[in-house]
PDB file of all heavy atoms in Angstrom:
ATOM      1  N   LEU A   1     103.392  69.983 125.133  1.00  0.00           N
ATOM      2  CA  LEU A   1     104.690  70.512 125.017  1.00  0.00           C
ATOM      3  C   LEU A   1     104.953  71.567 126.111  1.00  0.00           C
ATOM      4  O   LEU A   1     104.081  72.436 126.330  1.00  0.00           O
ATOM      5  CB  LEU A   1     105.061  71.076 123.689  1.00  0.00           C
ATOM      6  CG  LEU A   1     104.886  70.211 122.498  1.00  0.00           C
ATOM      7  CD1 LEU A   1     105.211  71.041 121.176  1.00  0.00           C
ATOM      8  CD2 LEU A   1     105.769  69.000 122.672  1.00  0.00           C
ATOM      9  N   SER A   2     106.109  71.543 126.816  1.00  0.00           N
ATOM     10  CA  SER A   2     106.481  72.634 127.726  1.00  0.00           C
ATOM     11  C   SER A   2     106.771  73.794 126.915  1.00  0.00           C
ATOM     12  O   SER A   2     107.117  73.730 125.664  1.00  0.00           O
ATOM     13  CB  SER A   2     107.613  72.138 128.576  1.00  0.00           C
ATOM     14  OG  SER A   2     108.836  72.042 127.807  1.00  0.00           O
ATOM     15  N   ASN A   3     107.036  74.929 127.480  1.00  0.00           N
ATOM     16  CA  ASN A   3     107.527  76.175 126.842  1.00  0.00           C
ATOM     17  C   ASN A   3     108.884  75.934 126.211  1.00  0.00           C
ATOM     18  O   ASN A   3     109.234  76.381 125.173  1.00  0.00           O
ATOM     19  CB  ASN A   3     107.477  77.438 127.754  1.00  0.00           C
ATOM     20  CG  ASN A   3     106.089  77.936 128.070  1.00  0.00           C
ATOM     21  OD1 ASN A   3     105.262  77.682 127.232  1.00  0.00           O
ATOM     22  ND2 ASN A   3     106.015  78.598 129.019  1.00  0.00           N
ATOM     23  N   GLN A   4     109.750  75.210 126.991  1.00  0.00           N
ATOM     24  CA  GLN A   4     111.019  74.888 126.531  1.00  0.00           C
ATOM     25  C   GLN A   4     111.003  73.968 125.200  1.00  0.00           C
ATOM     26  O   GLN A   4     111.733  74.237 124.307  1.00  0.00           O
ATOM     27  CB  GLN A   4     111.836  74.230 127.561  1.00  0.00           C
ATOM     28  CG  GLN A   4     113.369  73.948 127.104  1.00  0.00           C
ATOM     29  CD  GLN A   4     114.141  73.265 128.258  1.00  0.00           C
ATOM     30  OE1 GLN A   4     113.669  72.956 129.216  1.00  0.00           O
ATOM     31  NE2 GLN A   4     115.451  73.136 127.955  1.00  0.00           N
ATOM     32  N   GLN A   5     110.150  73.052 125.282  1.00  0.00           N
ATOM     33  CA  GLN A   5     110.057  72.156 124.041  1.00  0.00           C
ATOM     34  C   GLN A   5     109.429  72.970 122.884  1.00  0.00           C
ATOM     35  O   GLN A   5     109.869  72.770 121.750  1.00  0.00           O
ATOM     36  CB  GLN A   5     109.094  70.946 124.383  1.00  0.00           C
ATOM     37  CG  GLN A   5     109.757  69.916 125.345  1.00  0.00           C
ATOM     38  CD  GLN A   5     108.736  68.945 125.863  1.00  0.00           C
ATOM     39  OE1 GLN A   5     107.622  69.172 126.073  1.00  0.00           O
ATOM     40  NE2 GLN A   5     109.201  67.711 125.888  1.00  0.00           N
ATOM     41  N   LEU A   6     108.469  73.841 123.165  1.00  0.00           N
ATOM     42  CA  LEU A   6     107.910  74.649 122.014  1.00  0.00           C
ATOM     43  C   LEU A   6     109.043  75.650 121.505  1.00  0.00           C
ATOM     44  O   LEU A   6     109.132  75.849 120.276  1.00  0.00           O
ATOM     45  CB  LEU A   6     106.726  75.492 122.640  1.00  0.00           C
ATOM     46  CG  LEU A   6     105.993  76.328 121.562  1.00  0.00           C
ATOM     47  CD1 LEU A   6     105.378  75.366 120.555  1.00  0.00           C
ATOM     48  CD2 LEU A   6     104.854  77.121 122.215  1.00  0.00           C
ATOM     49  N   GLY A   7     109.880  76.028 122.442  1.00  0.00           N
ATOM     50  CA  GLY A   7     111.003  76.827 121.957  1.00  0.00           C
ATOM     51  C   GLY A   7     112.012  76.156 121.011  1.00  0.00           C
ATOM     52  O   GLY A   7     112.472  76.593 120.059  1.00  0.00           O
ATOM     53  N   TYR A   8     112.133  74.789 121.283  1.00  0.00           N
ATOM     54  CA  TYR A   8     113.015  73.953 120.306  1.00  0.00           C
ATOM     55  C   TYR A   8     112.308  73.996 118.937  1.00  0.00           C
ATOM     56  O   TYR A   8     113.037  73.948 118.022  1.00  0.00           O
ATOM     57  CB  TYR A   8     113.055  72.585 120.889  1.00  0.00           C
ATOM     58  CG  TYR A   8     113.968  72.356 122.120  1.00  0.00           C
ATOM     59  CD1 TYR A   8     113.612  71.380 123.045  1.00  0.00           C
ATOM     60  CD2 TYR A   8     114.973  73.240 122.430  1.00  0.00           C
ATOM     61  CE1 TYR A   8     114.399  71.288 124.240  1.00  0.00           C
ATOM     62  CE2 TYR A   8     115.694  73.136 123.555  1.00  0.00           C
ATOM     63  CZ  TYR A   8     115.465  72.126 124.479  1.00  0.00           C
ATOM     64  OH  TYR A   8     116.187  71.984 125.531  1.00  0.00           O
ATOM     65  N   VAL A   9     110.926  73.809 118.979  1.00  0.00           N
ATOM     66  CA  VAL A   9     110.235  73.704 117.659  1.00  0.00           C
ATOM     67  C   VAL A   9     110.316  75.080 116.920  1.00  0.00           C
ATOM     68  O   VAL A   9     110.702  75.076 115.764  1.00  0.00           O
ATOM     69  CB  VAL A   9     108.728  73.346 117.979  1.00  0.00           C
ATOM     70  CG1 VAL A   9     107.949  73.435 116.584  1.00  0.00           C
ATOM     71  CG2 VAL A   9     108.591  71.992 118.494  1.00  0.00           C
ATOM     72  N   PHE A  10     110.241  76.265 117.662  1.00  0.00           N
ATOM     73  CA  PHE A  10     110.416  77.518 117.064  1.00  0.00           C
ATOM     74  C   PHE A  10     111.822  77.709 116.490  1.00  0.00           C
ATOM     75  O   PHE A  10     112.074  78.171 115.477  1.00  0.00           O
ATOM     76  CB  PHE A  10     110.169  78.619 118.096  1.00  0.00           C
ATOM     77  CG  PHE A  10     108.735  78.824 118.481  1.00  0.00           C
ATOM     78  CD1 PHE A  10     108.476  79.802 119.406  1.00  0.00           C
ATOM     79  CD2 PHE A  10     107.658  78.084 117.896  1.00  0.00           C
ATOM     80  CE1 PHE A  10     107.165  79.989 119.805  1.00  0.00           C
ATOM     81  CE2 PHE A  10     106.378  78.289 118.267  1.00  0.00           C
ATOM     82  CZ  PHE A  10     106.099  79.250 119.196  1.00  0.00           C
ATOM     83  N   SER A  11     112.755  77.296 117.339  1.00  0.00           N
ATOM     84  CA  SER A  11     114.207  77.542 117.016  1.00  0.00           C
ATOM     85  C   SER A  11     114.707  76.620 115.828  1.00  0.00           C
ATOM     86  O   SER A  11     115.598  76.956 115.132  1.00  0.00           O
ATOM     87  CB  SER A  11     115.149  77.158 118.210  1.00  0.00           C
ATOM     88  OG  SER A  11     114.881  78.094 119.214  1.00  0.00           O
ATOM     89  N   ALA A  12     114.045  75.468 115.687  1.00  0.00           N
ATOM     90  CA  ALA A  12     114.460  74.598 114.552  1.00  0.00           C
ATOM     91  C   ALA A  12     114.241  75.219 113.250  1.00  0.00           C
ATOM     92  O   ALA A  12     115.088  75.104 112.323  1.00  0.00           O
ATOM     93  CB  ALA A  12     113.590  73.304 114.554  1.00  0.00           C
ATOM     94  N   PHE A  13     113.123  76.058 113.044  1.00  0.00           N
ATOM     95  CA  PHE A  13     112.978  76.694 111.842  1.00  0.00           C
ATOM     96  C   PHE A  13     114.088  77.673 111.470  1.00  0.00           C
ATOM     97  O   PHE A  13     114.664  77.732 110.511  1.00  0.00           O
ATOM     98  CB  PHE A  13     111.656  77.499 111.797  1.00  0.00           C
ATOM     99  CG  PHE A  13     111.461  78.457 110.630  1.00  0.00           C
ATOM    100  CD1 PHE A  13     111.048  77.951 109.412  1.00  0.00           C
ATOM    101  CD2 PHE A  13     111.960  79.719 110.697  1.00  0.00           C
ATOM    102  CE1 PHE A  13     110.945  78.786 108.335  1.00  0.00           C
ATOM    103  CE2 PHE A  13     111.836  80.617 109.596  1.00  0.00           C
ATOM    104  CZ  PHE A  13     111.319  80.139 108.447  1.00  0.00           C
ATOM    105  N   VAL A  14     114.403  78.542 112.550  1.00  0.00           N
ATOM    106  CA  VAL A  14     115.395  79.570 112.500  1.00  0.00           C
ATOM    107  C   VAL A  14     116.782  78.919 112.144  1.00  0.00           C
ATOM    108  O   VAL A  14     117.543  79.532 111.311  1.00  0.00           O
ATOM    109  CB  VAL A  14     115.501  80.436 113.780  1.00  0.00           C
ATOM    110  CG1 VAL A  14     116.455  81.498 113.616  1.00  0.00           C
ATOM    111  CG2 VAL A  14     114.072  81.088 113.985  1.00  0.00           C
ATOM    112  N   LEU A  15     117.130  77.867 112.771  1.00  0.00           N
ATOM    113  CA  LEU A  15     118.380  77.243 112.516  1.00  0.00           C
ATOM    114  C   LEU A  15     118.463  76.773 111.056  1.00  0.00           C
ATOM    115  O   LEU A  15     119.430  76.994 110.379  1.00  0.00           O
ATOM    116  CB  LEU A  15     118.533  76.098 113.495  1.00  0.00           C
ATOM    117  CG  LEU A  15     119.974  75.399 113.412  1.00  0.00           C
ATOM    118  CD1 LEU A  15     121.086  76.242 113.632  1.00  0.00           C
ATOM    119  CD2 LEU A  15     119.957  74.133 114.364  1.00  0.00           C
ATOM    120  N   GLY A  16     117.313  76.007 110.675  1.00  0.00           N
ATOM    121  CA  GLY A  16     117.429  75.600 109.287  1.00  0.00           C
ATOM    122  C   GLY A  16     117.481  76.715 108.181  1.00  0.00           C
ATOM    123  O   GLY A  16     118.077  76.690 107.189  1.00  0.00           O
ATOM    124  N   TYR A  17     116.721  77.759 108.534  1.00  0.00           N
ATOM    125  CA  TYR A  17     116.726  79.028 107.701  1.00  0.00           C
ATOM    126  C   TYR A  17     118.080  79.569 107.592  1.00  0.00           C
ATOM    127  O   TYR A  17     118.568  79.922 106.546  1.00  0.00           O
ATOM    128  CB  TYR A  17     115.693  79.984 108.289  1.00  0.00           C
ATOM    129  CG  TYR A  17     115.430  81.233 107.503  1.00  0.00           C
ATOM    130  CD1 TYR A  17     114.603  81.151 106.317  1.00  0.00           C
ATOM    131  CD2 TYR A  17     116.065  82.447 107.753  1.00  0.00           C
ATOM    132  CE1 TYR A  17     114.268  82.295 105.671  1.00  0.00           C
ATOM    133  CE2 TYR A  17     115.787  83.502 106.984  1.00  0.00           C
ATOM    134  CZ  TYR A  17     114.934  83.427 105.964  1.00  0.00           C
ATOM    135  OH  TYR A  17     114.651  84.675 105.213  1.00  0.00           O
ATOM    136  N   ALA A  18     118.747  79.836 108.729  1.00  0.00           N
ATOM    137  CA  ALA A  18     120.052  80.456 108.811  1.00  0.00           C
ATOM    138  C   ALA A  18     121.168  79.618 108.081  1.00  0.00           C
ATOM    139  O   ALA A  18     121.958  80.095 107.340  1.00  0.00           O
ATOM    140  CB  ALA A  18     120.564  80.697 110.254  1.00  0.00           C
ATOM    141  N   LEU A  19     121.031  78.235 108.330  1.00  0.00           N
ATOM    142  CA  LEU A  19     122.063  77.364 107.734  1.00  0.00           C
ATOM    143  C   LEU A  19     121.959  77.244 106.272  1.00  0.00           C
ATOM    144  O   LEU A  19     122.961  76.899 105.603  1.00  0.00           O
ATOM    145  CB  LEU A  19     122.032  76.053 108.352  1.00  0.00           C
ATOM    146  CG  LEU A  19     122.530  75.905 109.805  1.00  0.00           C
ATOM    147  CD1 LEU A  19     122.289  74.526 110.367  1.00  0.00           C
ATOM    148  CD2 LEU A  19     123.917  76.298 109.977  1.00  0.00           C
ATOM    149  N   PHE A  20     120.833  77.432 105.684  1.00  0.00           N
ATOM    150  CA  PHE A  20     120.510  77.230 104.332  1.00  0.00           C
ATOM    151  C   PHE A  20     120.540  78.491 103.369  1.00  0.00           C
ATOM    152  O   PHE A  20     120.371  78.516 102.152  1.00  0.00           O
ATOM    153  CB  PHE A  20     119.370  76.365 103.975  1.00  0.00           C
ATOM    154  CG  PHE A  20     119.454  75.581 102.841  1.00  0.00           C
ATOM    155  CD1 PHE A  20     120.264  74.510 102.735  1.00  0.00           C
ATOM    156  CD2 PHE A  20     118.603  75.923 101.717  1.00  0.00           C
ATOM    157  CE1 PHE A  20     120.318  73.787 101.512  1.00  0.00           C
ATOM    158  CE2 PHE A  20     118.621  75.219 100.518  1.00  0.00           C
ATOM    159  CZ  PHE A  20     119.601  74.140 100.426  1.00  0.00           C
ATOM    160  N   GLN A  21     120.780  79.742 104.088  1.00  0.00           N
ATOM    161  CA  GLN A  21     120.787  81.030 103.262  1.00  0.00           C
ATOM    162  C   GLN A  21     121.863  80.870 102.212  1.00  0.00           C
ATOM    163  O   GLN A  21     121.548  81.184 101.031  1.00  0.00           O
ATOM    164  CB  GLN A  21     121.074  82.153 104.169  1.00  0.00           C
ATOM    165  CG  GLN A  21     119.879  82.519 105.088  1.00  0.00           C
ATOM    166  CD  GLN A  21     118.900  83.347 104.327  1.00  0.00           C
ATOM    167  OE1 GLN A  21     119.246  84.307 103.628  1.00  0.00           O
ATOM    168  NE2 GLN A  21     117.649  82.916 104.451  1.00  0.00           N
ATOM    169  N   ALA A  22     123.087  80.586 102.546  1.00  0.00           N
ATOM    170  CA  ALA A  22     124.191  80.709 101.577  1.00  0.00           C
ATOM    171  C   ALA A  22     124.047  79.548 100.497  1.00  0.00           C
ATOM    172  O   ALA A  22     124.135  79.782  99.399  1.00  0.00           O
ATOM    173  CB  ALA A  22     125.530  80.572 102.187  1.00  0.00           C
ATOM    174  N   PRO A  23     123.750  78.323 100.923  1.00  0.00           N
ATOM    175  CA  PRO A  23     123.505  77.303  99.911  1.00  0.00           C
ATOM    176  C   PRO A  23     122.379  77.651  99.039  1.00  0.00           C
ATOM    177  O   PRO A  23     122.334  77.327  97.909  1.00  0.00           O
ATOM    178  CB  PRO A  23     123.245  75.947 100.714  1.00  0.00           C
ATOM    179  CG  PRO A  23     123.888  76.255 101.994  1.00  0.00           C
ATOM    180  CD  PRO A  23     123.821  77.693 102.286  1.00  0.00           C
ATOM    181  N   GLY A  24     121.252  78.310  99.571  1.00  0.00           N
ATOM    182  CA  GLY A  24     120.165  78.693  98.849  1.00  0.00           C
ATOM    183  C   GLY A  24     120.506  79.688  97.724  1.00  0.00           C
ATOM    184  O   GLY A  24     120.145  79.676  96.578  1.00  0.00           O
ATOM    185  N   GLY A  25     121.434  80.617  98.138  1.00  0.00           N
ATOM    186  CA  GLY A  25     122.090  81.546  97.107  1.00  0.00           C
ATOM    187  C   GLY A  25     122.857  80.950  96.034  1.00  0.00           C
ATOM    188  O   GLY A  25     122.679  81.203  94.881  1.00  0.00           O
ATOM    189  N   ARG A  26     123.554  79.896  96.417  1.00  0.00           N
ATOM    190  CA  ARG A  26     124.412  79.194  95.499  1.00  0.00           C
ATOM    191  C   ARG A  26     123.571  78.443  94.512  1.00  0.00           C
ATOM    192  O   ARG A  26     123.787  78.427  93.337  1.00  0.00           O
ATOM    193  CB  ARG A  26     125.259  78.228  96.208  1.00  0.00           C
ATOM    194  CG  ARG A  26     126.229  77.398  95.355  1.00  0.00           C
ATOM    195  CD  ARG A  26     127.335  78.316  94.824  1.00  0.00           C
ATOM    196  NE  ARG A  26     128.281  77.562  94.102  1.00  0.00           N
ATOM    197  CZ  ARG A  26     128.675  77.898  92.887  1.00  0.00           C
ATOM    198  NH1 ARG A  26     128.313  79.011  92.327  1.00  0.00           N
ATOM    199  NH2 ARG A  26     129.476  77.119  92.197  1.00  0.00           N
ATOM    200  N   LEU A  27     122.451  77.883  94.992  1.00  0.00           N
ATOM    201  CA  LEU A  27     121.448  77.200  94.109  1.00  0.00           C
ATOM    202  C   LEU A  27     120.822  78.177  93.074  1.00  0.00           C
ATOM    203  O   LEU A  27     120.735  77.867  91.850  1.00  0.00           O
ATOM    204  CB  LEU A  27     120.350  76.434  94.838  1.00  0.00           C
ATOM    205  CG  LEU A  27     120.786  75.215  95.694  1.00  0.00           C
ATOM    206  CD1 LEU A  27     119.621  74.770  96.602  1.00  0.00           C
ATOM    207  CD2 LEU A  27     121.225  74.152  94.721  1.00  0.00           C
ATOM    208  N   ALA A  28     120.554  79.291  93.547  1.00  0.00           N
ATOM    209  CA  ALA A  28     119.955  80.451  92.708  1.00  0.00           C
ATOM    210  C   ALA A  28     120.966  80.781  91.638  1.00  0.00           C
ATOM    211  O   ALA A  28     120.558  81.044  90.515  1.00  0.00           O
ATOM    212  CB  ALA A  28     119.440  81.522  93.519  1.00  0.00           C
ATOM    213  N   ASP A  29     122.258  80.906  92.036  1.00  0.00           N
ATOM    214  CA  ASP A  29     123.225  81.219  90.988  1.00  0.00           C
ATOM    215  C   ASP A  29     123.347  80.167  90.015  1.00  0.00           C
ATOM    216  O   ASP A  29     123.635  80.406  88.774  1.00  0.00           O
ATOM    217  CB  ASP A  29     124.632  81.489  91.745  1.00  0.00           C
ATOM    218  CG  ASP A  29     124.633  82.719  92.530  1.00  0.00           C
ATOM    219  OD1 ASP A  29     123.806  83.670  92.290  1.00  0.00           O
ATOM    220  OD2 ASP A  29     125.451  82.834  93.456  1.00  0.00           O
ATOM    221  N   ARG A  30     123.314  78.885  90.468  1.00  0.00           N
ATOM    222  CA  ARG A  30     123.699  77.813  89.531  1.00  0.00           C
ATOM    223  C   ARG A  30     122.505  77.438  88.617  1.00  0.00           C
ATOM    224  O   ARG A  30     122.612  77.199  87.508  1.00  0.00           O
ATOM    225  CB  ARG A  30     124.051  76.613  90.298  1.00  0.00           C
ATOM    226  CG  ARG A  30     124.332  75.389  89.370  1.00  0.00           C
ATOM    227  CD  ARG A  30     124.959  74.254  90.126  1.00  0.00           C
ATOM    228  NE  ARG A  30     125.166  73.210  89.211  1.00  0.00           N
ATOM    229  CZ  ARG A  30     126.063  72.247  89.342  1.00  0.00           C
ATOM    230  NH1 ARG A  30     126.871  72.313  90.315  1.00  0.00           N
ATOM    231  NH2 ARG A  30     126.153  71.306  88.442  1.00  0.00           N
ATOM    232  N   PHE A  31     121.212  77.361  89.255  1.00  0.00           N
ATOM    233  CA  PHE A  31     120.105  76.888  88.530  1.00  0.00           C
ATOM    234  C   PHE A  31     119.023  77.937  88.088  1.00  0.00           C
ATOM    235  O   PHE A  31     118.089  77.693  87.380  1.00  0.00           O
ATOM    236  CB  PHE A  31     119.306  75.802  89.346  1.00  0.00           C
ATOM    237  CG  PHE A  31     120.164  74.572  89.648  1.00  0.00           C
ATOM    238  CD1 PHE A  31     120.656  74.350  90.996  1.00  0.00           C
ATOM    239  CD2 PHE A  31     120.553  73.753  88.661  1.00  0.00           C
ATOM    240  CE1 PHE A  31     121.493  73.284  91.183  1.00  0.00           C
ATOM    241  CE2 PHE A  31     121.322  72.549  88.939  1.00  0.00           C
ATOM    242  CZ  PHE A  31     121.797  72.387  90.161  1.00  0.00           C
ATOM    243  N   GLY A  32     119.380  79.188  88.588  1.00  0.00           N
ATOM    244  CA  GLY A  32     118.396  80.240  88.225  1.00  0.00           C
ATOM    245  C   GLY A  32     117.328  80.500  89.351  1.00  0.00           C
ATOM    246  O   GLY A  32     116.896  79.566  89.957  1.00  0.00           O
ATOM    247  N   PRO A  33     117.029  81.777  89.553  1.00  0.00           N
ATOM    248  CA  PRO A  33     116.038  82.055  90.541  1.00  0.00           C
ATOM    249  C   PRO A  33     114.648  81.476  90.354  1.00  0.00           C
ATOM    250  O   PRO A  33     113.966  81.173  91.224  1.00  0.00           O
ATOM    251  CB  PRO A  33     116.031  83.695  90.560  1.00  0.00           C
ATOM    252  CG  PRO A  33     116.548  84.006  89.214  1.00  0.00           C
ATOM    253  CD  PRO A  33     117.453  82.907  88.807  1.00  0.00           C
ATOM    254  N   ARG A  34     114.213  81.410  89.088  1.00  0.00           N
ATOM    255  CA  ARG A  34     112.982  80.934  88.777  1.00  0.00           C
ATOM    256  C   ARG A  34     112.697  79.532  89.272  1.00  0.00           C
ATOM    257  O   ARG A  34     111.754  79.134  90.034  1.00  0.00           O
ATOM    258  CB  ARG A  34     112.536  80.996  87.370  1.00  0.00           C
ATOM    259  CG  ARG A  34     111.134  80.535  86.946  1.00  0.00           C
ATOM    260  CD  ARG A  34     110.913  80.559  85.542  1.00  0.00           C
ATOM    261  NE  ARG A  34     111.860  79.617  84.950  1.00  0.00           N
ATOM    262  CZ  ARG A  34     111.849  79.254  83.706  1.00  0.00           C
ATOM    263  NH1 ARG A  34     110.854  79.625  82.916  1.00  0.00           N
ATOM    264  NH2 ARG A  34     112.774  78.363  83.157  1.00  0.00           N
ATOM    265  N   ARG A  35     113.617  78.576  88.938  1.00  0.00           N
ATOM    266  CA  ARG A  35     113.608  77.198  89.373  1.00  0.00           C
ATOM    267  C   ARG A  35     113.673  77.102  90.925  1.00  0.00           C
ATOM    268  O   ARG A  35     112.929  76.312  91.513  1.00  0.00           O
ATOM    269  CB  ARG A  35     114.717  76.377  88.731  1.00  0.00           C
ATOM    270  CG  ARG A  35     114.523  76.174  87.329  1.00  0.00           C
ATOM    271  CD  ARG A  35     115.506  75.292  86.726  1.00  0.00           C
ATOM    272  NE  ARG A  35     115.337  75.009  85.337  1.00  0.00           N
ATOM    273  CZ  ARG A  35     116.213  75.046  84.396  1.00  0.00           C
ATOM    274  NH1 ARG A  35     117.478  75.320  84.750  1.00  0.00           N
ATOM    275  NH2 ARG A  35     115.998  74.841  83.166  1.00  0.00           N
ATOM    276  N   VAL A  36     114.627  77.867  91.484  1.00  0.00           N
ATOM    277  CA  VAL A  36     114.879  77.673  92.979  1.00  0.00           C
ATOM    278  C   VAL A  36     113.703  78.215  93.731  1.00  0.00           C
ATOM    279  O   VAL A  36     113.268  77.702  94.735  1.00  0.00           O
ATOM    280  CB  VAL A  36     116.184  78.413  93.293  1.00  0.00           C
ATOM    281  CG1 VAL A  36     116.411  78.364  94.812  1.00  0.00           C
ATOM    282  CG2 VAL A  36     117.442  77.606  92.627  1.00  0.00           C
ATOM    283  N   ILE A  37     113.117  79.424  93.265  1.00  0.00           N
ATOM    284  CA  ILE A  37     111.954  79.977  93.904  1.00  0.00           C
ATOM    285  C   ILE A  37     110.764  78.972  93.822  1.00  0.00           C
ATOM    286  O   ILE A  37     110.050  78.645  94.772  1.00  0.00           O
ATOM    287  CB  ILE A  37     111.655  81.290  93.424  1.00  0.00           C
ATOM    288  CG1 ILE A  37     112.599  82.390  93.903  1.00  0.00           C
ATOM    289  CG2 ILE A  37     110.190  81.703  93.879  1.00  0.00           C
ATOM    290  CD1 ILE A  37     112.488  83.743  93.240  1.00  0.00           C
ATOM    291  N   ALA A  38     110.575  78.431  92.639  1.00  0.00           N
ATOM    292  CA  ALA A  38     109.397  77.421  92.434  1.00  0.00           C
ATOM    293  C   ALA A  38     109.658  76.306  93.337  1.00  0.00           C
ATOM    294  O   ALA A  38     108.692  75.844  94.083  1.00  0.00           O
ATOM    295  CB  ALA A  38     109.389  76.996  90.981  1.00  0.00           C
ATOM    296  N   LEU A  39     110.889  75.740  93.387  1.00  0.00           N
ATOM    297  CA  LEU A  39     111.108  74.526  94.265  1.00  0.00           C
ATOM    298  C   LEU A  39     110.860  74.939  95.699  1.00  0.00           C
ATOM    299  O   LEU A  39     110.234  74.193  96.466  1.00  0.00           O
ATOM    300  CB  LEU A  39     112.482  73.970  94.062  1.00  0.00           C
ATOM    301  CG  LEU A  39     112.873  72.780  94.983  1.00  0.00           C
ATOM    302  CD1 LEU A  39     111.880  71.616  94.679  1.00  0.00           C
ATOM    303  CD2 LEU A  39     114.309  72.397  94.736  1.00  0.00           C
ATOM    304  N   GLY A  40     111.406  76.152  96.136  1.00  0.00           N
ATOM    305  CA  GLY A  40     111.265  76.570  97.461  1.00  0.00           C
ATOM    306  C   GLY A  40     109.774  76.773  97.899  1.00  0.00           C
ATOM    307  O   GLY A  40     109.318  76.326  99.061  1.00  0.00           O
ATOM    308  N   VAL A  41     108.977  77.318  97.040  1.00  0.00           N
ATOM    309  CA  VAL A  41     107.473  77.482  97.374  1.00  0.00           C
ATOM    310  C   VAL A  41     106.848  76.147  97.508  1.00  0.00           C
ATOM    311  O   VAL A  41     106.035  76.036  98.449  1.00  0.00           O
ATOM    312  CB  VAL A  41     106.864  78.303  96.249  1.00  0.00           C
ATOM    313  CG1 VAL A  41     105.287  78.293  96.341  1.00  0.00           C
ATOM    314  CG2 VAL A  41     107.344  79.728  96.237  1.00  0.00           C
ATOM    315  N   VAL A  42     107.072  75.238  96.667  1.00  0.00           N
ATOM    316  CA  VAL A  42     106.572  73.884  96.823  1.00  0.00           C
ATOM    317  C   VAL A  42     106.999  73.214  98.091  1.00  0.00           C
ATOM    318  O   VAL A  42     106.288  72.634  98.892  1.00  0.00           O
ATOM    319  CB  VAL A  42     106.853  72.979  95.607  1.00  0.00           C
ATOM    320  CG1 VAL A  42     106.439  71.483  95.784  1.00  0.00           C
ATOM    321  CG2 VAL A  42     106.097  73.543  94.379  1.00  0.00           C
ATOM    322  N   TRP A  43     108.324  73.367  98.371  1.00  0.00           N
ATOM    323  CA  TRP A  43     108.946  72.796  99.534  1.00  0.00           C
ATOM    324  C   TRP A  43     108.312  73.376 100.829  1.00  0.00           C
ATOM    325  O   TRP A  43     108.006  72.554 101.691  1.00  0.00           O
ATOM    326  CB  TRP A  43     110.399  73.180  99.451  1.00  0.00           C
ATOM    327  CG  TRP A  43     111.273  72.545 100.525  1.00  0.00           C
ATOM    328  CD1 TRP A  43     111.428  72.967 101.856  1.00  0.00           C
ATOM    329  CD2 TRP A  43     112.183  71.302 100.409  1.00  0.00           C
ATOM    330  NE1 TRP A  43     112.349  72.171 102.448  1.00  0.00           N
ATOM    331  CE2 TRP A  43     112.859  71.171 101.654  1.00  0.00           C
ATOM    332  CE3 TRP A  43     112.449  70.462  99.423  1.00  0.00           C
ATOM    333  CZ2 TRP A  43     113.700  70.164 101.868  1.00  0.00           C
ATOM    334  CZ3 TRP A  43     113.369  69.534  99.601  1.00  0.00           C
ATOM    335  CH2 TRP A  43     113.937  69.361 100.942  1.00  0.00           C
TER     336      TRP A  43
END
C-alpha cells in the first residue's frame, strides 16, 4: 500500500466512528448500555 492508500484505511475507521456516534447513543437509550456495550465489544 502507498501512504495514501494506508491513509484511506486509517480514515475509514474514523469515518465509521464519527458517523455512528449518535446512532450508538440512540441504541444505548433504547436497548440499555449493558446490551449495547456487550454487542459493541464483540463487534
